[in-house]
Amino acid sequence: MWMAVDVEEQLRKLWLLLIMQIGMSKPRAASIDGKLSAEFAVPSHVDAVKELMSAFAERHGAAGRRVVLITSGGTKVPLESRTVRFLDNFSSGRRGASSAEYFLDCGYAVIFLHRHRSLYPYARLYAGVNLLDGLRLGGSGGCTDQEVVVDQEALPKIGRVLRRYQEVKRDGLLLPVEFSTLSEYLHLLKASAQVLGTLGSKAMFYLAAAVSDFYIPASDMPEHKIQSSNGPLQISMKMVPKILSPLVKDWAPQAFVISFKLETDTSILLDKARKALDTYRHQAVVANVLDTRRGYVVVVTPDTQAELILTDEDASKEVEIEEKIVSNLTGAHA
């Protein structure tokens, strides 16, 4: 009698243990996959873009070339389904666009996942110029066939920049992919990670985009424009799922992954960077402070900490901090 009860109890415990192990053995990405599908609208073009990225990665991988996915610009978080209002951040995409140029110079092929209308490689050099101010009509033809002449003072070094851009296009080294909303960004990043995961250690992720930490689920958003006549607006937002975790663990586990950490408080910056490395187990964090981000960053790895500084001499030679960042990271990747 006692033996029968004991065996029954042991079987019950084994059954509970088996259930727990099955639950723990589910793919780590399952929960975030479900959340992405349920709470973030899937872009209609994601499959077509994934095919383009796959062909791009396959071609350059076969040629022995390393491929970097650069994310750039900020993410828009809609407040209404038919969006009139949205939350945004200050990011212009400058770091991502300039870094793309330096990765190309280092022999990488670049998938440039960027915010719509954010700065673009090479063109970003003239972002502050009104294009029409850099052009003039020349020759003596009629108004329909006059030659258009570039003003070299308004668009300095345009010949050299244009030549380099055309070389990159000719060799198919740059694949631009646009996003606008947070939903588009998350789904396109997942697609790119699954594609580049096939390249193993030849793939790099340079996650420079300023991604929102908060969002409103599609199910909680009003369909139409929020009316100001309803009085003060109160918003309840959820935390954006940390897509870095499944990217590192499941989608591209052999890739070289760099995240960025921007803070306004210098005293917490390095601790936050190290905490990110401990949490996600990726290769490096580029840590920077808002006010000094264009002249000083710290590249933090599990074992090292490298300060990168733009000197006055660097500035006089028009060296950019992104050149030093890319040089540091490509050396580590190699």
C-alpha atoms as a PDB file:
ATOM      1  CA  MET A   1       0.000   0.000   0.000  1.00  0.00           C
ATOM      2  CA  TRP A   2       2.720   2.487   0.978  1.00  0.00           C
ATOM      3  CA  MET A   3       4.833   1.483  -2.000  1.00  0.00           C
ATOM      4  CA  ALA A   4       1.924   2.093  -4.407  1.00  0.00           C
ATOM      5  CA  VAL A   5       1.335   5.584  -3.010  1.00  0.00           C
ATOM      6  CA  ASP A   6       5.059   6.366  -3.203  1.00  0.00           C
ATOM      7  CA  VAL A   7       5.293   5.264  -6.832  1.00  0.00           C
ATOM      8  CA  GLU A   8       2.228   7.323  -7.724  1.00  0.00           C
ATOM      9  CA  GLU A   9       3.754  10.398  -6.078  1.00  0.00           C
ATOM     10  CA  GLN A  10       7.053   9.869  -7.885  1.00  0.00           C
ATOM     11  CA  LEU A  11       5.262   9.562 -11.222  1.00  0.00           C
ATOM     12  CA  ARG A  12       3.363  12.764 -10.525  1.00  0.00           C
ATOM     13  CA  LYS A  13       6.605  14.616  -9.810  1.00  0.00           C
ATOM     14  CA  LEU A  14       8.253  13.234 -12.941  1.00  0.00           C
ATOM     15  CA  TRP A  15       5.259  14.315 -15.009  1.00  0.00           C
ATOM     16  CA  LEU A  16       5.435  17.865 -13.621  1.00  0.00           C
ATOM     17  CA  LEU A  17       9.176  17.985 -14.271  1.00  0.00           C
ATOM     18  CA  LEU A  18       8.632  16.827 -17.869  1.00  0.00           C
ATOM     19  CA  ILE A  19       6.027  19.550 -18.430  1.00  0.00           C
ATOM     20  CA  MET A  20       8.420  22.188 -17.080  1.00  0.00           C
ATOM     21  CA  GLN A  21      11.241  20.970 -19.339  1.00  0.00           C
ATOM     22  CA  ILE A  22       9.003  21.015 -22.404  1.00  0.00           C
ATOM     23  CA  GLY A  23       7.985  24.568 -21.595  1.00  0.00           C
ATOM     24  CA  MET A  24      11.593  25.619 -21.106  1.00  0.00           C
ATOM     25  CA  SER A  25      12.728  23.952 -24.327  1.00  0.00           C
ATOM     26  CA  LYS A  26      10.477  26.005 -26.574  1.00  0.00           C
ATOM     27  CA  PRO A  27      12.408  28.197 -29.022  1.00  0.00           C
ATOM     28  CA  ARG A  28      13.566  31.379 -27.329  1.00  0.00           C
ATOM     29  CA  ALA A  29      12.206  33.485 -30.167  1.00  0.00           C
ATOM     30  CA  ALA A  30       8.680  32.069 -29.895  1.00  0.00           C
ATOM     31  CA  SER A  31       7.390  34.672 -27.441  1.00  0.00           C
ATOM     32  CA  ILE A  32       8.719  37.659 -29.380  1.00  0.00           C
ATOM     33  CA  ASP A  33       7.521  36.191 -32.683  1.00  0.00           C
ATOM     34  CA  GLY A  34       4.036  35.991 -31.264  1.00  0.00           C
ATOM     35  CA  LYS A  35       4.243  39.529 -29.924  1.00  0.00           C
ATOM     36  CA  LEU A  36       5.516  40.921 -33.220  1.00  0.00           C
ATOM     37  CA  SER A  37       2.666  39.300 -35.131  1.00  0.00           C
ATOM     38  CA  ALA A  38      -0.037  40.243 -32.623  1.00  0.00           C
ATOM     39  CA  GLU A  39       0.900  43.813 -31.712  1.00  0.00           C
ATOM     40  CA  PHE A  40       2.932  45.174 -34.635  1.00  0.00           C
ATOM     41  CA  ALA A  41       1.412  45.350 -38.105  1.00  0.00           C
ATOM     42  CA  VAL A  42       3.368  43.293 -40.619  1.00  0.00           C
ATOM     43  CA  PRO A  43       4.492  45.442 -43.593  1.00  0.00           C
ATOM     44  CA  SER A  44       2.972  44.245 -46.848  1.00  0.00           C
ATOM     45  CA  HIS A  45       6.361  44.372 -48.561  1.00  0.00           C
ATOM     46  CA  VAL A  46       8.411  42.467 -45.969  1.00  0.00           C
ATOM     47  CA  ASP A  47       8.575  39.208 -47.961  1.00  0.00           C
ATOM     48  CA  ALA A  48       9.675  40.991 -51.140  1.00  0.00           C
ATOM     49  CA  VAL A  49      12.362  42.905 -49.239  1.00  0.00           C
ATOM     50  CA  LYS A  50      13.531  39.702 -47.580  1.00  0.00           C
ATOM     51  CA  GLU A  51      14.048  38.138 -51.009  1.00  0.00           C
ATOM     52  CA  LEU A  52      16.129  41.128 -52.122  1.00  0.00           C
ATOM     53  CA  MET A  53      18.248  40.947 -48.973  1.00  0.00           C
ATOM     54  CA  SER A  54      18.674  37.198 -49.390  1.00  0.00           C
ATOM     55  CA  ALA A  55      19.936  37.557 -52.971  1.00  0.00           C
ATOM     56  CA  PHE A  56      22.253  40.388 -51.901  1.00  0.00           C
ATOM     57  CA  ALA A  57      23.705  38.393 -49.004  1.00  0.00           C
ATOM     58  CA  GLU A  58      24.093  35.238 -51.084  1.00  0.00           C
ATOM     59  CA  ARG A  59      25.911  37.072 -53.881  1.00  0.00           C
ATOM     60  CA  HIS A  60      28.385  38.838 -51.626  1.00  0.00           C
ATOM     61  CA  GLY A  61      28.843  35.862 -49.331  1.00  0.00           C
ATOM     62  CA  ALA A  62      29.760  33.721 -52.336  1.00  0.00           C
ATOM     63  CA  ALA A  63      32.309  36.377 -53.323  1.00  0.00           C
ATOM     64  CA  GLY A  64      33.916  36.081 -49.884  1.00  0.00           C
ATOM     65  CA  ARG A  65      32.801  39.537 -48.856  1.00  0.00           C
ATOM     66  CA  ARG A  66      31.607  40.460 -45.369  1.00  0.00           C
ATOM     67  CA  VAL A  67      28.131  41.968 -45.133  1.00  0.00           C
ATOM     68  CA  VAL A  68      27.006  44.537 -42.567  1.00  0.00           C
ATOM     69  CA  LEU A  69      23.432  45.463 -41.749  1.00  0.00           C
ATOM     70  CA  ILE A  70      23.333  49.105 -40.648  1.00  0.00           C
ATOM     71  CA  THR A  71      20.214  50.481 -39.002  1.00  0.00           C
ATOM     72  CA  SER A  72      19.875  54.252 -39.147  1.00  0.00           C
ATOM     73  CA  GLY A  73      17.501  57.012 -38.089  1.00  0.00           C
ATOM     74  CA  GLY A  74      14.660  57.114 -35.592  1.00  0.00           C
ATOM     75  CA  THR A  75      11.417  55.153 -35.404  1.00  0.00           C
ATOM     76  CA  LYS A  76       7.975  56.704 -35.597  1.00  0.00           C
ATOM     77  CA  VAL A  77       5.391  55.490 -33.049  1.00  0.00           C
ATOM     78  CA  PRO A  78       1.816  56.184 -34.229  1.00  0.00           C
ATOM     79  CA  LEU A  79      -0.863  57.345 -31.793  1.00  0.00           C
ATOM     80  CA  GLU A  80      -3.743  56.531 -34.162  1.00  0.00           C
ATOM     81  CA  SER A  81      -4.356  53.738 -36.692  1.00  0.00           C
ATOM     82  CA  ARG A  82      -4.981  56.339 -39.406  1.00  0.00           C
ATOM     83  CA  THR A  83      -1.930  58.219 -38.287  1.00  0.00           C
ATOM     84  CA  VAL A  84      -2.011  61.974 -37.889  1.00  0.00           C
ATOM     85  CA  ARG A  85       0.018  62.224 -34.691  1.00  0.00           C
ATOM     86  CA  PHE A  86       3.030  60.193 -33.691  1.00  0.00           C
ATOM     87  CA  LEU A  87       5.952  60.154 -31.247  1.00  0.00           C
ATOM     88  CA  ASP A  88       9.447  60.581 -32.650  1.00  0.00           C
ATOM     89  CA  ASN A  89      13.012  61.342 -31.556  1.00  0.00           C
ATOM     90  CA  PHE A  90      15.830  63.637 -32.644  1.00  0.00           C
ATOM     91  CA  SER A  91      17.776  61.144 -34.782  1.00  0.00           C
ATOM     92  CA  SER A  92      18.652  62.327 -38.283  1.00  0.00           C
ATOM     93  CA  GLY A  93      20.522  59.158 -39.288  1.00  0.00           C
ATOM     94  CA  ARG A  94      23.849  60.953 -39.533  1.00  0.00           C
ATOM     95  CA  ARG A  95      25.866  58.261 -37.744  1.00  0.00           C
ATOM     96  CA  GLY A  96      24.392  55.412 -39.752  1.00  0.00           C
ATOM     97  CA  ALA A  97      24.798  57.174 -43.103  1.00  0.00           C
ATOM     98  CA  SER A  98      28.405  58.210 -42.522  1.00  0.00           C
ATOM     99  CA  SER A  99      29.304  54.789 -41.082  1.00  0.00           C
ATOM    100  CA  ALA A 100      27.948  53.120 -44.221  1.00  0.00           C
ATOM    101  CA  GLU A 101      30.505  55.001 -46.314  1.00  0.00           C
ATOM    102  CA  TYR A 102      33.395  53.862 -44.104  1.00  0.00           C
ATOM    103  CA  PHE A 103      32.226  50.232 -44.112  1.00  0.00           C
ATOM    104  CA  LEU A 104      32.110  50.367 -47.909  1.00  0.00           C
ATOM    105  CA  ASP A 105      35.644  51.762 -47.921  1.00  0.00           C
ATOM    106  CA  CYS A 106      36.689  48.790 -45.762  1.00  0.00           C
ATOM    107  CA  GLY A 107      35.390  46.302 -48.343  1.00  0.00           C
ATOM    108  CA  TYR A 108      32.030  45.440 -46.799  1.00  0.00           C
ATOM    109  CA  ALA A 109      28.743  45.117 -48.645  1.00  0.00           C
ATOM    110  CA  VAL A 110      26.085  47.163 -46.830  1.00  0.00           C
ATOM    111  CA  ILE A 111      22.379  46.646 -46.250  1.00  0.00           C
ATOM    112  CA  PHE A 112      21.232  50.092 -45.176  1.00  0.00           C
ATOM    113  CA  LEU A 113      18.010  49.834 -43.154  1.00  0.00           C
ATOM    114  CA  HIS A 114      17.108  53.492 -42.742  1.00  0.00           C
ATOM    115  CA  ARG A 115      14.244  55.747 -41.772  1.00  0.00           C
ATOM    116  CA  HIS A 116      12.376  57.294 -44.670  1.00  0.00           C
ATOM    117  CA  ARG A 117      13.858  60.738 -45.424  1.00  0.00           C
ATOM    118  CA  SER A 118      16.728  60.324 -42.965  1.00  0.00           C
ATOM    119  CA  LEU A 119      20.279  61.051 -44.104  1.00  0.00           C
ATOM    120  CA  TYR A 120      21.650  58.826 -46.860  1.00  0.00           C
ATOM    121  CA  PRO A 121      25.262  57.797 -47.599  1.00  0.00           C
ATOM    122  CA  TYR A 122      27.148  60.353 -49.721  1.00  0.00           C
ATOM    123  CA  ALA A 123      24.079  62.558 -50.191  1.00  0.00           C
ATOM    124  CA  ARG A 124      24.268  63.329 -46.441  1.00  0.00           C
ATOM    125  CA  LEU A 125      27.310  65.511 -47.118  1.00  0.00           C
ATOM    126  CA  TYR A 126      25.010  68.075 -48.731  1.00  0.00           C
ATOM    127  CA  ALA A 127      22.059  67.780 -46.377  1.00  0.00           C
ATOM    128  CA  GLY A 128      22.314  71.438 -45.362  1.00  0.00           C
ATOM    129  CA  VAL A 129      22.374  72.720 -48.942  1.00  0.00           C
ATOM    130  CA  ASN A 130      19.342  73.652 -51.019  1.00  0.00           C
ATOM    131  CA  LEU A 131      19.946  71.577 -54.139  1.00  0.00           C
ATOM    132  CA  LEU A 132      18.764  74.348 -56.460  1.00  0.00           C
ATOM    133  CA  ASP A 133      21.333  76.707 -54.952  1.00  0.00           C
ATOM    134  CA  GLY A 134      24.052  74.293 -56.081  1.00  0.00           C
ATOM    135  CA  LEU A 135      22.974  74.286 -59.718  1.00  0.00           C
ATOM    136  CA  ARG A 136      22.837  76.884 -62.456  1.00  0.00           C
ATOM    137  CA  LEU A 137      22.012  76.997 -66.121  1.00  0.00           C
ATOM    138  CA  GLY A 138      24.862  77.336 -68.577  1.00  0.00           C
ATOM    139  CA  GLY A 139      25.296  77.594 -72.302  1.00  0.00           C
ATOM    140  CA  SER A 140      23.265  79.649 -74.729  1.00  0.00           C
ATOM    141  CA  GLY A 141      20.522  77.197 -75.650  1.00  0.00           C
ATOM    142  CA  GLY A 142      16.836  77.787 -75.194  1.00  0.00           C
ATOM    143  CA  CYS A 143      15.136  77.317 -71.873  1.00  0.00           C
ATOM    144  CA  THR A 144      14.336  73.665 -72.670  1.00  0.00           C
ATOM    145  CA  ASP A 145      17.824  72.456 -73.603  1.00  0.00           C
ATOM    146  CA  GLN A 146      20.221  74.535 -71.516  1.00  0.00           C
ATOM    147  CA  GLU A 147      23.029  72.679 -69.820  1.00  0.00           C
ATOM    148  CA  VAL A 148      22.839  72.353 -66.027  1.00  0.00           C
ATOM    149  CA  VAL A 149      26.130  73.270 -64.343  1.00  0.00           C
ATOM    150  CA  VAL A 150      27.138  72.362 -60.785  1.00  0.00           C
ATOM    151  CA  ASP A 151      28.318  75.161 -58.517  1.00  0.00           C
ATOM    152  CA  GLN A 152      31.472  73.677 -56.987  1.00  0.00           C
ATOM    153  CA  GLU A 153      31.455  76.199 -54.132  1.00  0.00           C
ATOM    154  CA  ALA A 154      27.908  75.321 -53.078  1.00  0.00           C
ATOM    155  CA  LEU A 155      28.571  71.572 -53.486  1.00  0.00           C
ATOM    156  CA  PRO A 156      32.257  71.118 -52.593  1.00  0.00           C
ATOM    157  CA  LYS A 157      34.001  67.891 -53.683  1.00  0.00           C
ATOM    158  CA  ILE A 158      30.852  66.847 -55.530  1.00  0.00           C
ATOM    159  CA  GLY A 159      32.844  65.256 -58.365  1.00  0.00           C
ATOM    160  CA  ARG A 160      34.795  62.955 -56.049  1.00  0.00           C
ATOM    161  CA  VAL A 161      31.701  62.080 -53.979  1.00  0.00           C
ATOM    162  CA  LEU A 162      29.601  61.349 -57.059  1.00  0.00           C
ATOM    163  CA  ARG A 163      32.323  59.168 -58.550  1.00  0.00           C
ATOM    164  CA  ARG A 164      32.563  57.071 -55.381  1.00  0.00           C
ATOM    165  CA  TYR A 165      28.785  56.725 -55.121  1.00  0.00           C
ATOM    166  CA  GLN A 166      28.559  55.553 -58.737  1.00  0.00           C
ATOM    167  CA  GLU A 167      31.310  52.964 -58.095  1.00  0.00           C
ATOM    168  CA  VAL A 168      29.329  51.605 -55.156  1.00  0.00           C
ATOM    169  CA  LYS A 169      26.149  51.422 -57.236  1.00  0.00           C
ATOM    170  CA  ARG A 170      27.938  49.821 -60.187  1.00  0.00           C
ATOM    171  CA  ASP A 171      29.347  47.066 -57.976  1.00  0.00           C
ATOM    172  CA  GLY A 172      26.025  46.502 -56.199  1.00  0.00           C
ATOM    173  CA  LEU A 173      27.578  47.039 -52.768  1.00  0.00           C
ATOM    174  CA  LEU A 174      24.761  49.053 -51.180  1.00  0.00           C
ATOM    175  CA  LEU A 175      21.192  47.814 -50.684  1.00  0.00           C
ATOM    176  CA  PRO A 176      18.919  50.511 -49.218  1.00  0.00           C
ATOM    177  CA  VAL A 177      15.797  49.409 -47.312  1.00  0.00           C
ATOM    178  CA  GLU A 178      13.405  52.022 -45.919  1.00  0.00           C
ATOM    179  CA  PHE A 179      11.237  51.961 -42.820  1.00  0.00           C
ATOM    180  CA  SER A 180       9.088  54.602 -41.211  1.00  0.00           C
ATOM    181  CA  THR A 181       7.189  53.192 -38.245  1.00  0.00           C
ATOM    182  CA  LEU A 182       8.406  51.103 -35.347  1.00  0.00           C
ATOM    183  CA  SER A 183       6.405  48.137 -36.675  1.00  0.00           C
ATOM    184  CA  GLU A 184       8.154  48.265 -40.031  1.00  0.00           C
ATOM    185  CA  TYR A 185      11.551  48.516 -38.378  1.00  0.00           C
ATOM    186  CA  LEU A 186      11.031  45.490 -36.130  1.00  0.00           C
ATOM    187  CA  HIS A 187       9.736  43.204 -38.868  1.00  0.00           C
ATOM    188  CA  LEU A 188      12.410  44.262 -41.366  1.00  0.00           C
ATOM    189  CA  LEU A 189      15.166  43.826 -38.786  1.00  0.00           C
ATOM    190  CA  LYS A 190      13.916  40.325 -38.027  1.00  0.00           C
ATOM    191  CA  ALA A 191      13.860  39.496 -41.749  1.00  0.00           C
ATOM    192  CA  SER A 192      17.391  40.827 -42.248  1.00  0.00           C
ATOM    193  CA  ALA A 193      18.665  38.884 -39.240  1.00  0.00           C
ATOM    194  CA  GLN A 194      17.223  35.644 -40.547  1.00  0.00           C
ATOM    195  CA  VAL A 195      18.823  36.319 -43.935  1.00  0.00           C
ATOM    196  CA  LEU A 196      22.266  37.296 -42.638  1.00  0.00           C
ATOM    197  CA  GLY A 197      22.244  34.435 -40.171  1.00  0.00           C
ATOM    198  CA  THR A 198      23.080  32.187 -43.133  1.00  0.00           C
ATOM    199  CA  LEU A 199      26.436  33.994 -43.524  1.00  0.00           C
ATOM    200  CA  GLY A 200      27.604  32.999 -40.066  1.00  0.00           C
ATOM    201  CA  SER A 201      30.580  35.011 -38.836  1.00  0.00           C
ATOM    202  CA  LYS A 202      30.826  36.991 -42.094  1.00  0.00           C
ATOM    203  CA  ALA A 203      27.761  38.975 -41.035  1.00  0.00           C
ATOM    204  CA  MET A 204      27.810  42.092 -38.876  1.00  0.00           C
ATOM    205  CA  PHE A 205      24.947  44.047 -37.322  1.00  0.00           C
ATOM    206  CA  TYR A 206      25.611  47.730 -36.636  1.00  0.00           C
ATOM    207  CA  LEU A 207      22.454  48.777 -34.817  1.00  0.00           C
ATOM    208  CA  ALA A 208      22.764  52.559 -34.846  1.00  0.00           C
ATOM    209  CA  ALA A 209      19.050  53.378 -35.253  1.00  0.00           C
ATOM    210  CA  ALA A 210      17.382  55.267 -32.391  1.00  0.00           C
ATOM    211  CA  VAL A 211      14.585  52.815 -31.644  1.00  0.00           C
ATOM    212  CA  SER A 212      11.689  53.788 -29.423  1.00  0.00           C
ATOM    213  CA  ASP A 213      11.493  52.043 -26.055  1.00  0.00           C
ATOM    214  CA  PHE A 214       7.716  52.506 -25.830  1.00  0.00           C
ATOM    215  CA  TYR A 215       4.737  51.871 -28.100  1.00  0.00           C
ATOM    216  CA  ILE A 216       0.960  51.638 -28.233  1.00  0.00           C
ATOM    217  CA  PRO A 217      -0.328  48.210 -29.368  1.00  0.00           C
ATOM    218  CA  ALA A 218      -2.449  48.306 -32.513  1.00  0.00           C
ATOM    219  CA  SER A 219      -5.385  46.914 -30.543  1.00  0.00           C
ATOM    220  CA  ASP A 220      -5.261  49.889 -28.138  1.00  0.00           C
ATOM    221  CA  MET A 221      -4.960  52.644 -30.746  1.00  0.00           C
ATOM    222  CA  PRO A 222      -7.990  54.703 -31.778  1.00  0.00           C
ATOM    223  CA  GLU A 223      -8.759  54.352 -35.471  1.00  0.00           C
ATOM    224  CA  HIS A 224      -9.285  58.056 -36.174  1.00  0.00           C
ATOM    225  CA  LYS A 225      -7.505  61.260 -35.229  1.00  0.00           C
ATOM    226  CA  ILE A 226      -7.558  61.999 -31.503  1.00  0.00           C
ATOM    227  CA  GLN A 227      -9.763  65.018 -30.917  1.00  0.00           C
ATOM    228  CA  SER A 228      -8.329  67.882 -28.878  1.00  0.00           C
ATOM    229  CA  SER A 229     -11.892  68.787 -27.863  1.00  0.00           C
ATOM    230  CA  ASN A 230     -11.836  65.707 -25.623  1.00  0.00           C
ATOM    231  CA  GLY A 231      -9.428  67.519 -23.287  1.00  0.00           C
ATOM    232  CA  PRO A 232      -5.915  66.661 -22.038  1.00  0.00           C
ATOM    233  CA  LEU A 233      -4.415  63.529 -23.560  1.00  0.00           C
ATOM    234  CA  GLN A 234      -3.361  60.635 -21.363  1.00  0.00           C
ATOM    235  CA  ILE A 235      -1.367  57.850 -22.996  1.00  0.00           C
ATOM    236  CA  SER A 236      -0.494  54.435 -21.630  1.00  0.00           C
ATOM    237  CA  MET A 237       2.371  52.800 -23.486  1.00  0.00           C
ATOM    238  CA  LYS A 238       4.010  49.374 -23.349  1.00  0.00           C
ATOM    239  CA  MET A 239       7.676  48.493 -23.451  1.00  0.00           C
ATOM    240  CA  VAL A 240       8.983  47.544 -26.889  1.00  0.00           C
ATOM    241  CA  PRO A 241      10.172  43.911 -26.904  1.00  0.00           C
ATOM    242  CA  LYS A 242      13.946  43.607 -26.895  1.00  0.00           C
ATOM    243  CA  ILE A 243      14.607  42.197 -30.357  1.00  0.00           C
ATOM    244  CA  LEU A 244      18.359  42.114 -29.704  1.00  0.00           C
ATOM    245  CA  SER A 245      17.922  38.958 -27.621  1.00  0.00           C
ATOM    246  CA  PRO A 246      16.451  36.676 -30.320  1.00  0.00           C
ATOM    247  CA  LEU A 247      18.733  38.266 -32.930  1.00  0.00           C
ATOM    248  CA  VAL A 248      21.825  37.216 -30.977  1.00  0.00           C
ATOM    249  CA  LYS A 249      20.557  33.863 -29.700  1.00  0.00           C
ATOM    250  CA  ASP A 250      18.345  32.536 -32.464  1.00  0.00           C
ATOM    251  CA  TRP A 251      18.356  34.399 -35.776  1.00  0.00           C
ATOM    252  CA  ALA A 252      22.064  35.161 -36.303  1.00  0.00           C
ATOM    253  CA  PRO A 253      23.980  33.465 -33.463  1.00  0.00           C
ATOM    254  CA  GLN A 254      27.377  33.570 -35.214  1.00  0.00           C
ATOM    255  CA  ALA A 255      27.178  37.183 -36.396  1.00  0.00           C
ATOM    256  CA  PHE A 256      29.220  40.066 -34.987  1.00  0.00           C
ATOM    257  CA  VAL A 257      26.661  42.337 -33.298  1.00  0.00           C
ATOM    258  CA  ILE A 258      27.154  45.945 -32.207  1.00  0.00           C
ATOM    259  CA  SER A 259      24.511  47.899 -30.329  1.00  0.00           C
ATOM    260  CA  PHE A 260      24.561  51.582 -29.380  1.00  0.00           C
ATOM    261  CA  LYS A 261      23.894  53.156 -26.008  1.00  0.00           C
ATOM    262  CA  LEU A 262      23.096  56.881 -25.855  1.00  0.00           C
ATOM    263  CA  GLU A 263      22.625  58.609 -22.518  1.00  0.00           C
ATOM    264  CA  THR A 264      22.469  62.175 -21.240  1.00  0.00           C
ATOM    265  CA  ASP A 265      23.991  61.233 -17.866  1.00  0.00           C
ATOM    266  CA  THR A 266      27.691  60.417 -18.151  1.00  0.00           C
ATOM    267  CA  SER A 267      27.789  58.721 -14.745  1.00  0.00           C
ATOM    268  CA  ILE A 268      25.546  55.827 -15.802  1.00  0.00           C
ATOM    269  CA  LEU A 269      26.754  55.350 -19.386  1.00  0.00           C
ATOM    270  CA  LEU A 270      29.408  52.642 -18.985  1.00  0.00           C
ATOM    271  CA  ASP A 271      27.404  50.674 -16.426  1.00  0.00           C
ATOM    272  CA  LYS A 272      24.464  50.607 -18.843  1.00  0.00           C
ATOM    273  CA  ALA A 273      26.745  49.450 -21.660  1.00  0.00           C
ATOM    274  CA  ARG A 274      28.205  46.632 -19.587  1.00  0.00           C
ATOM    275  CA  LYS A 275      24.758  45.594 -18.423  1.00  0.00           C
ATOM    276  CA  ALA A 276      23.627  45.333 -22.054  1.00  0.00           C
ATOM    277  CA  LEU A 277      26.599  43.079 -22.847  1.00  0.00           C
ATOM    278  CA  ASP A 278      25.842  40.877 -19.841  1.00  0.00           C
ATOM    279  CA  THR A 279      22.164  40.649 -20.776  1.00  0.00           C
ATOM    280  CA  TYR A 280      22.358  40.016 -24.519  1.00  0.00           C
ATOM    281  CA  ARG A 281      25.821  38.444 -24.873  1.00  0.00           C
ATOM    282  CA  HIS A 282      26.705  40.270 -28.065  1.00  0.00           C
ATOM    283  CA  GLN A 283      30.129  41.542 -29.086  1.00  0.00           C
ATOM    284  CA  ALA A 284      30.242  45.307 -28.517  1.00  0.00           C
ATOM    285  CA  VAL A 285      28.390  48.411 -27.367  1.00  0.00           C
ATOM    286  CA  VAL A 286      29.235  51.855 -28.714  1.00  0.00           C
ATOM    287  CA  ALA A 287      28.530  54.109 -25.741  1.00  0.00           C
ATOM    288  CA  ASN A 288      28.103  57.852 -26.194  1.00  0.00           C
ATOM    289  CA  VAL A 289      26.684  60.898 -24.451  1.00  0.00           C
ATOM    290  CA  LEU A 290      24.242  63.176 -26.257  1.00  0.00           C
ATOM    291  CA  ASP A 291      26.283  66.384 -25.974  1.00  0.00           C
ATOM    292  CA  THR A 292      29.624  64.875 -27.066  1.00  0.00           C
ATOM    293  CA  ARG A 293      28.514  62.087 -29.398  1.00  0.00           C
ATOM    294  CA  ARG A 294      30.192  63.582 -32.469  1.00  0.00           C
ATOM    295  CA  GLY A 295      33.634  63.761 -30.917  1.00  0.00           C
ATOM    296  CA  TYR A 296      33.843  61.082 -28.245  1.00  0.00           C
ATOM    297  CA  VAL A 297      32.596  57.499 -27.868  1.00  0.00           C
ATOM    298  CA  VAL A 298      33.623  54.423 -25.907  1.00  0.00           C
ATOM    299  CA  VAL A 299      33.592  51.012 -27.575  1.00  0.00           C
ATOM    300  CA  VAL A 300      32.861  48.527 -24.799  1.00  0.00           C
ATOM    301  CA  THR A 301      33.371  44.779 -25.226  1.00  0.00           C
ATOM    302  CA  PRO A 302      33.217  42.012 -22.611  1.00  0.00           C
ATOM    303  CA  ASP A 303      36.989  42.284 -22.159  1.00  0.00           C
ATOM    304  CA  THR A 304      38.016  45.748 -23.339  1.00  0.00           C
ATOM    305  CA  GLN A 305      37.078  49.410 -23.273  1.00  0.00           C
ATOM    306  CA  ALA A 306      38.401  51.739 -25.994  1.00  0.00           C
ATOM    307  CA  GLU A 307      37.953  55.495 -25.926  1.00  0.00           C
ATOM    308  CA  LEU A 308      37.732  57.059 -29.380  1.00  0.00           C
ATOM    309  CA  ILE A 309      38.329  60.800 -29.472  1.00  0.00           C
ATOM    310  CA  LEU A 310      38.398  63.375 -32.255  1.00  0.00           C
ATOM    311  CA  THR A 311      41.349  65.686 -31.744  1.00  0.00           C
ATOM    312  CA  ASP A 312      41.698  69.216 -33.074  1.00  0.00           C
ATOM    313  CA  GLU A 313      44.092  67.836 -35.678  1.00  0.00           C
ATOM    314  CA  ASP A 314      41.475  65.264 -36.733  1.00  0.00           C
ATOM    315  CA  ALA A 315      38.882  68.001 -37.082  1.00  0.00           C
ATOM    316  CA  SER A 316      41.238  70.083 -39.242  1.00  0.00           C
ATOM    317  CA  LYS A 317      41.656  67.079 -41.557  1.00  0.00           C
ATOM    318  CA  GLU A 318      37.867  66.548 -41.660  1.00  0.00           C
ATOM    319  CA  VAL A 319      38.136  63.169 -39.922  1.00  0.00           C
ATOM    320  CA  GLU A 320      34.817  61.972 -38.496  1.00  0.00           C
ATOM    321  CA  ILE A 321      34.299  59.932 -35.343  1.00  0.00           C
ATOM    322  CA  GLU A 322      32.469  57.289 -37.405  1.00  0.00           C
ATOM    323  CA  GLU A 323      35.692  56.552 -39.296  1.00  0.00           C
ATOM    324  CA  LYS A 324      37.368  55.674 -36.002  1.00  0.00           C
ATOM    325  CA  ILE A 325      34.391  53.618 -34.829  1.00  0.00           C
ATOM    326  CA  VAL A 326      34.293  51.588 -38.056  1.00  0.00           C
ATOM    327  CA  SER A 327      38.063  51.079 -38.030  1.00  0.00           C
ATOM    328  CA  ASN A 328      37.892  49.752 -34.475  1.00  0.00           C
ATOM    329  CA  LEU A 329      35.003  47.394 -35.167  1.00  0.00           C
ATOM    330  CA  THR A 330      36.181  46.032 -38.506  1.00  0.00           C
ATOM    331  CA  GLY A 331      39.503  45.208 -36.892  1.00  0.00           C
ATOM    332  CA  ALA A 332      37.716  43.282 -34.151  1.00  0.00           C
ATOM    333  CA  HIS A 333      35.454  41.535 -36.680  1.00  0.00           C
ATOM    334  CA  ALA A 334      38.427  40.401 -38.739  1.00  0.00           C
END
